[in-house]
Amino acid sequence: MRQAALIAVAIVALLHVYFMILEMFLWTKPAGMRAFGLTPERAEASKVLAANQGLYNGFLAAGLVWGILEGDGFGFHIMLFFLGCVIIAGIFGGVTASRKILYVQALPALIALVLLHLH
């Protein structure tokens, strides 16, 4: 069960690296605009906000990787904290921006959290 939990946490971290890349570097590119349903005008007008949001997603990924590398004990608590942050952000985004965020961000983190607790 420990391996499944760590794999799930790693997947959540990789998702947040992907979100970071989309928001920081691809926001005004076709891939970023397609992912977020943006027009070129709206993407250009919001690119600074998106880059800031992407930076926070990078911090979430870094925290999860830190927790994985720390291992049992302190690493467990680090992963709990950052998964909790991801879940709260996913719920907030799902309520305020797009319901899709609940499934893409909050649900994987919730699954990882449950697996971590079962470990």
N, C-alpha and C. Protein backbone atom coordinates (compact mmCIF):
# COMPACT_ATOMS: atom_id res chain seq x y z
N MET A 1 0.83 -1.20 0.00
CA MET A 1 0.00 0.00 0.00
C MET A 1 0.87 1.26 0.00
N ARG A 2 2.05 1.17 0.62
CA ARG A 2 2.94 2.33 0.67
C ARG A 2 3.34 2.76 -0.74
N GLN A 3 3.68 1.79 -1.58
CA GLN A 3 4.08 2.10 -2.96
C GLN A 3 2.94 2.76 -3.72
N ALA A 4 1.73 2.24 -3.56
CA ALA A 4 0.57 2.83 -4.25
C ALA A 4 0.36 4.26 -3.80
N ALA A 5 0.53 4.53 -2.50
CA ALA A 5 0.36 5.89 -1.97
C ALA A 5 1.41 6.82 -2.56
N LEU A 6 2.66 6.36 -2.59
CA LEU A 6 3.73 7.21 -3.12
C LEU A 6 3.57 7.45 -4.62
N ILE A 7 3.11 6.45 -5.34
CA ILE A 7 2.84 6.63 -6.77
C ILE A 7 1.72 7.64 -6.98
N ALA A 8 0.67 7.54 -6.16
CA ALA A 8 -0.45 8.49 -6.28
C ALA A 8 0.01 9.91 -5.96
N VAL A 9 0.84 10.07 -4.94
CA VAL A 9 1.37 11.40 -4.60
C VAL A 9 2.25 11.91 -5.74
N ALA A 10 3.06 11.05 -6.33
CA ALA A 10 3.92 11.45 -7.45
C ALA A 10 3.08 11.87 -8.66
N ILE A 11 1.98 11.18 -8.90
CA ILE A 11 1.09 11.56 -10.01
C ILE A 11 0.51 12.95 -9.77
N VAL A 12 0.09 13.22 -8.54
CA VAL A 12 -0.44 14.55 -8.22
C VAL A 12 0.65 15.60 -8.43
N ALA A 13 1.88 15.30 -8.01
CA ALA A 13 2.99 16.24 -8.21
C ALA A 13 3.22 16.48 -9.71
N LEU A 14 3.21 15.42 -10.50
CA LEU A 14 3.42 15.56 -11.95
C LEU A 14 2.29 16.37 -12.59
N LEU A 15 1.07 16.15 -12.14
CA LEU A 15 -0.05 16.96 -12.65
C LEU A 15 0.20 18.44 -12.39
N HIS A 16 0.72 18.76 -11.21
CA HIS A 16 0.95 20.17 -10.89
C HIS A 16 2.13 20.76 -11.63
N VAL A 17 3.10 19.93 -11.98
CA VAL A 17 4.17 20.41 -12.86
C VAL A 17 3.57 20.73 -14.23
N TYR A 18 2.70 19.85 -14.70
CA TYR A 18 2.01 20.08 -15.99
C TYR A 18 1.18 21.37 -15.94
N PHE A 19 0.42 21.57 -14.86
CA PHE A 19 -0.37 22.79 -14.72
C PHE A 19 0.55 24.01 -14.73
N MET A 20 1.67 23.90 -14.03
CA MET A 20 2.62 25.01 -13.97
C MET A 20 3.12 25.36 -15.37
N ILE A 21 3.48 24.35 -16.14
CA ILE A 21 3.98 24.59 -17.50
C ILE A 21 2.90 25.24 -18.37
N LEU A 22 1.69 24.71 -18.28
CA LEU A 22 0.58 25.29 -19.05
C LEU A 22 0.37 26.76 -18.69
N GLU A 23 0.36 27.05 -17.40
CA GLU A 23 0.02 28.41 -16.95
C GLU A 23 1.17 29.39 -17.09
N MET A 24 2.39 28.93 -16.89
CA MET A 24 3.53 29.86 -16.94
C MET A 24 4.10 30.04 -18.34
N PHE A 25 4.10 28.97 -19.13
CA PHE A 25 4.82 29.02 -20.40
C PHE A 25 3.95 28.84 -21.65
N LEU A 26 2.80 28.22 -21.49
CA LEU A 26 1.97 27.92 -22.66
C LEU A 26 0.62 28.65 -22.67
N TRP A 27 0.41 29.53 -21.73
CA TRP A 27 -0.88 30.20 -21.58
C TRP A 27 -1.36 30.87 -22.86
N THR A 28 -0.48 31.56 -23.55
CA THR A 28 -0.86 32.28 -24.77
C THR A 28 -0.57 31.47 -26.04
N LYS A 29 -0.13 30.24 -25.86
CA LYS A 29 0.12 29.34 -26.99
C LYS A 29 -1.12 28.49 -27.26
N PRO A 30 -1.22 27.88 -28.43
CA PRO A 30 -2.41 27.08 -28.74
C PRO A 30 -2.75 26.01 -27.69
N ALA A 31 -1.74 25.33 -27.17
CA ALA A 31 -2.01 24.27 -26.18
C ALA A 31 -2.63 24.84 -24.91
N GLY A 32 -2.10 25.96 -24.44
CA GLY A 32 -2.63 26.59 -23.23
C GLY A 32 -4.03 27.15 -23.44
N MET A 33 -4.22 27.82 -24.56
CA MET A 33 -5.55 28.40 -24.84
C MET A 33 -6.59 27.30 -25.01
N ARG A 34 -6.20 26.19 -25.64
CA ARG A 34 -7.12 25.08 -25.82
C ARG A 34 -7.47 24.44 -24.47
N ALA A 35 -6.45 24.25 -23.62
CA ALA A 35 -6.67 23.61 -22.31
C ALA A 35 -7.62 24.42 -21.44
N PHE A 36 -7.56 25.74 -21.55
CA PHE A 36 -8.37 26.59 -20.69
C PHE A 36 -9.51 27.28 -21.42
N GLY A 37 -9.70 26.96 -22.69
CA GLY A 37 -10.80 27.54 -23.45
C GLY A 37 -10.70 29.05 -23.60
N LEU A 38 -9.51 29.54 -23.91
CA LEU A 38 -9.27 30.98 -23.98
C LEU A 38 -9.20 31.48 -25.42
N THR A 39 -9.61 32.70 -25.60
CA THR A 39 -9.36 33.40 -26.86
C THR A 39 -7.96 34.01 -26.75
N PRO A 40 -7.33 34.33 -27.88
CA PRO A 40 -6.01 34.97 -27.81
C PRO A 40 -6.05 36.27 -27.00
N GLU A 41 -7.12 37.04 -27.12
CA GLU A 41 -7.22 38.30 -26.39
C GLU A 41 -7.30 38.07 -24.88
N ARG A 42 -8.12 37.12 -24.49
CA ARG A 42 -8.28 36.83 -23.06
C ARG A 42 -6.99 36.23 -22.48
N ALA A 43 -6.33 35.38 -23.25
CA ALA A 43 -5.07 34.79 -22.80
C ALA A 43 -4.02 35.88 -22.59
N GLU A 44 -3.92 36.78 -23.53
CA GLU A 44 -2.94 37.86 -23.42
C GLU A 44 -3.24 38.76 -22.22
N ALA A 45 -4.50 39.06 -22.01
CA ALA A 45 -4.90 39.94 -20.91
C ALA A 45 -4.68 39.30 -19.54
N SER A 46 -4.67 37.99 -19.48
CA SER A 46 -4.57 37.32 -18.17
C SER A 46 -3.26 36.55 -17.97
N LYS A 47 -2.30 36.74 -18.85
CA LYS A 47 -1.09 35.91 -18.79
C LYS A 47 -0.27 36.13 -17.52
N VAL A 48 -0.25 37.33 -16.97
CA VAL A 48 0.51 37.58 -15.74
C VAL A 48 -0.15 36.86 -14.56
N LEU A 49 -1.47 36.91 -14.49
CA LEU A 49 -2.19 36.20 -13.43
C LEU A 49 -1.99 34.69 -13.56
N ALA A 50 -2.02 34.20 -14.79
CA ALA A 50 -1.83 32.76 -15.02
C ALA A 50 -0.42 32.33 -14.62
N ALA A 51 0.57 33.15 -14.92
CA ALA A 51 1.94 32.81 -14.55
C ALA A 51 2.08 32.74 -13.03
N ASN A 52 1.42 33.64 -12.32
CA ASN A 52 1.44 33.62 -10.87
C ASN A 52 0.79 32.34 -10.34
N GLN A 53 -0.33 31.99 -10.92
CA GLN A 53 -1.03 30.77 -10.54
C GLN A 53 -0.16 29.55 -10.84
N GLY A 54 0.52 29.57 -11.97
CA GLY A 54 1.42 28.48 -12.32
C GLY A 54 2.55 28.32 -11.33
N LEU A 55 3.08 29.44 -10.85
CA LEU A 55 4.14 29.39 -9.85
C LEU A 55 3.65 28.68 -8.59
N TYR A 56 2.44 28.97 -8.16
CA TYR A 56 1.88 28.30 -6.99
C TYR A 56 1.72 26.80 -7.24
N ASN A 57 1.32 26.43 -8.44
CA ASN A 57 1.23 25.00 -8.76
C ASN A 57 2.60 24.34 -8.70
N GLY A 58 3.62 25.07 -9.10
CA GLY A 58 4.98 24.56 -8.98
C GLY A 58 5.38 24.35 -7.53
N PHE A 59 4.98 25.27 -6.66
CA PHE A 59 5.26 25.12 -5.23
C PHE A 59 4.57 23.88 -4.66
N LEU A 60 3.33 23.64 -5.08
CA LEU A 60 2.61 22.45 -4.62
C LEU A 60 3.34 21.19 -5.05
N ALA A 61 3.78 21.15 -6.31
CA ALA A 61 4.52 20.00 -6.81
C ALA A 61 5.82 19.81 -6.02
N ALA A 62 6.53 20.89 -5.78
CA ALA A 62 7.79 20.82 -5.04
C ALA A 62 7.57 20.29 -3.62
N GLY A 63 6.51 20.74 -2.99
CA GLY A 63 6.20 20.26 -1.64
C GLY A 63 5.89 18.77 -1.61
N LEU A 64 5.16 18.30 -2.61
CA LEU A 64 4.84 16.87 -2.68
C LEU A 64 6.09 16.04 -2.92
N VAL A 65 6.97 16.51 -3.80
CA VAL A 65 8.22 15.80 -4.06
C VAL A 65 9.09 15.80 -2.80
N TRP A 66 9.12 16.91 -2.10
CA TRP A 66 9.85 17.00 -0.83
C TRP A 66 9.34 15.94 0.14
N GLY A 67 8.03 15.83 0.26
CA GLY A 67 7.44 14.83 1.15
C GLY A 67 7.83 13.41 0.76
N ILE A 68 7.79 13.13 -0.52
CA ILE A 68 8.17 11.80 -1.00
C ILE A 68 9.64 11.51 -0.64
N LEU A 69 10.50 12.48 -0.87
CA LEU A 69 11.93 12.29 -0.61
C LEU A 69 12.26 12.15 0.87
N GLU A 70 11.47 12.80 1.72
CA GLU A 70 11.69 12.70 3.17
C GLU A 70 11.34 11.32 3.71
N GLY A 71 10.43 10.62 3.05
CA GLY A 71 10.06 9.28 3.49
C GLY A 71 9.08 9.30 4.65
N ASP A 72 9.00 8.17 5.33
CA ASP A 72 8.06 8.05 6.46
C ASP A 72 8.41 9.06 7.56
N GLY A 73 7.48 9.27 8.45
CA GLY A 73 7.69 10.24 9.52
C GLY A 73 7.37 11.63 9.05
N PHE A 74 8.39 12.48 9.00
CA PHE A 74 8.20 13.88 8.62
C PHE A 74 7.65 14.01 7.20
N GLY A 75 8.12 13.16 6.29
CA GLY A 75 7.64 13.20 4.91
C GLY A 75 6.15 12.94 4.81
N PHE A 76 5.64 12.05 5.66
CA PHE A 76 4.21 11.76 5.70
C PHE A 76 3.42 13.04 6.00
N HIS A 77 3.88 13.80 6.97
CA HIS A 77 3.20 15.04 7.36
C HIS A 77 3.31 16.11 6.27
N ILE A 78 4.44 16.16 5.61
CA ILE A 78 4.61 17.11 4.50
C ILE A 78 3.62 16.77 3.39
N MET A 79 3.54 15.48 3.04
CA MET A 79 2.60 15.07 1.98
C MET A 79 1.16 15.36 2.39
N LEU A 80 0.81 15.12 3.65
CA LEU A 80 -0.54 15.42 4.12
C LEU A 80 -0.86 16.90 3.94
N PHE A 81 0.08 17.75 4.35
CA PHE A 81 -0.14 19.19 4.24
C PHE A 81 -0.35 19.61 2.79
N PHE A 82 0.56 19.20 1.90
CA PHE A 82 0.46 19.64 0.52
C PHE A 82 -0.72 19.01 -0.22
N LEU A 83 -1.06 17.77 0.09
CA LEU A 83 -2.27 17.19 -0.50
C LEU A 83 -3.51 17.94 -0.02
N GLY A 84 -3.52 18.32 1.26
CA GLY A 84 -4.63 19.13 1.76
C GLY A 84 -4.73 20.45 1.02
N CYS A 85 -3.60 21.09 0.77
CA CYS A 85 -3.60 22.35 0.00
C CYS A 85 -4.16 22.13 -1.40
N VAL A 86 -3.74 21.05 -2.05
CA VAL A 86 -4.22 20.75 -3.40
C VAL A 86 -5.73 20.51 -3.39
N ILE A 87 -6.21 19.76 -2.41
CA ILE A 87 -7.65 19.48 -2.32
C ILE A 87 -8.44 20.76 -2.11
N ILE A 88 -8.00 21.60 -1.19
CA ILE A 88 -8.70 22.86 -0.93
C ILE A 88 -8.68 23.75 -2.17
N ALA A 89 -7.52 23.86 -2.83
CA ALA A 89 -7.44 24.66 -4.06
C ALA A 89 -8.34 24.08 -5.14
N GLY A 90 -8.38 22.75 -5.24
CA GLY A 90 -9.23 22.10 -6.24
C GLY A 90 -10.71 22.33 -5.98
N ILE A 91 -11.10 22.29 -4.72
CA ILE A 91 -12.51 22.56 -4.38
C ILE A 91 -12.84 24.02 -4.68
N PHE A 92 -11.96 24.92 -4.29
CA PHE A 92 -12.20 26.34 -4.55
C PHE A 92 -12.29 26.60 -6.06
N GLY A 93 -11.36 26.05 -6.82
CA GLY A 93 -11.40 26.21 -8.27
C GLY A 93 -12.62 25.58 -8.89
N GLY A 94 -13.03 24.44 -8.36
CA GLY A 94 -14.23 23.76 -8.87
C GLY A 94 -15.49 24.56 -8.63
N VAL A 95 -15.53 25.28 -7.52
CA VAL A 95 -16.71 26.08 -7.19
C VAL A 95 -16.69 27.42 -7.92
N THR A 96 -15.50 28.03 -8.04
CA THR A 96 -15.43 29.39 -8.57
C THR A 96 -15.09 29.49 -10.06
N ALA A 97 -14.40 28.49 -10.60
CA ALA A 97 -13.93 28.59 -11.99
C ALA A 97 -14.55 27.55 -12.91
N SER A 98 -14.33 26.28 -12.60
CA SER A 98 -14.81 25.21 -13.47
C SER A 98 -14.95 23.92 -12.66
N ARG A 99 -16.07 23.27 -12.81
CA ARG A 99 -16.31 22.01 -12.10
C ARG A 99 -15.25 20.96 -12.47
N LYS A 100 -14.71 21.08 -13.66
CA LYS A 100 -13.67 20.16 -14.14
C LYS A 100 -12.48 20.09 -13.18
N ILE A 101 -12.19 21.19 -12.51
CA ILE A 101 -11.05 21.25 -11.59
C ILE A 101 -11.23 20.27 -10.43
N LEU A 102 -12.47 20.03 -10.04
CA LEU A 102 -12.72 19.05 -8.98
C LEU A 102 -12.19 17.68 -9.37
N TYR A 103 -12.35 17.31 -10.63
CA TYR A 103 -11.96 15.99 -11.10
C TYR A 103 -10.49 15.91 -11.48
N VAL A 104 -9.95 17.00 -11.99
CA VAL A 104 -8.57 17.00 -12.48
C VAL A 104 -7.57 17.27 -11.34
N GLN A 105 -7.98 18.05 -10.35
CA GLN A 105 -7.06 18.44 -9.29
C GLN A 105 -7.43 17.85 -7.94
N ALA A 106 -8.66 18.08 -7.48
CA ALA A 106 -9.03 17.65 -6.13
C ALA A 106 -9.16 16.14 -6.00
N LEU A 107 -9.78 15.49 -6.97
CA LEU A 107 -10.01 14.04 -6.87
C LEU A 107 -8.70 13.23 -6.82
N PRO A 108 -7.73 13.48 -7.72
CA PRO A 108 -6.47 12.73 -7.60
C PRO A 108 -5.78 12.94 -6.25
N ALA A 109 -5.83 14.17 -5.74
CA ALA A 109 -5.21 14.45 -4.44
C ALA A 109 -5.96 13.74 -3.32
N LEU A 110 -7.27 13.69 -3.41
CA LEU A 110 -8.06 12.98 -2.40
C LEU A 110 -7.74 11.48 -2.42
N ILE A 111 -7.63 10.91 -3.60
CA ILE A 111 -7.26 9.49 -3.72
C ILE A 111 -5.88 9.25 -3.10
N ALA A 112 -4.92 10.13 -3.39
CA ALA A 112 -3.58 9.99 -2.82
C ALA A 112 -3.63 10.12 -1.30
N LEU A 113 -4.44 11.03 -0.80
CA LEU A 113 -4.58 11.23 0.64
C LEU A 113 -5.15 9.96 1.32
N VAL A 114 -6.16 9.40 0.72
CA VAL A 114 -6.75 8.17 1.27
C VAL A 114 -5.72 7.04 1.27
N LEU A 115 -5.00 6.87 0.16
CA LEU A 115 -3.98 5.83 0.08
C LEU A 115 -2.87 6.06 1.11
N LEU A 116 -2.53 7.30 1.31
CA LEU A 116 -1.49 7.63 2.30
C LEU A 116 -1.95 7.25 3.70
N HIS A 117 -3.20 7.48 4.00
CA HIS A 117 -3.75 7.13 5.32
C HIS A 117 -3.88 5.62 5.49
N LEU A 118 -4.11 4.89 4.41
CA LEU A 118 -4.23 3.44 4.49
C LEU A 118 -2.86 2.78 4.67
N HIS A 119 -1.83 3.50 4.31
CA HIS A 119 -0.46 2.99 4.39
C HIS A 119 -0.10 2.86 5.84
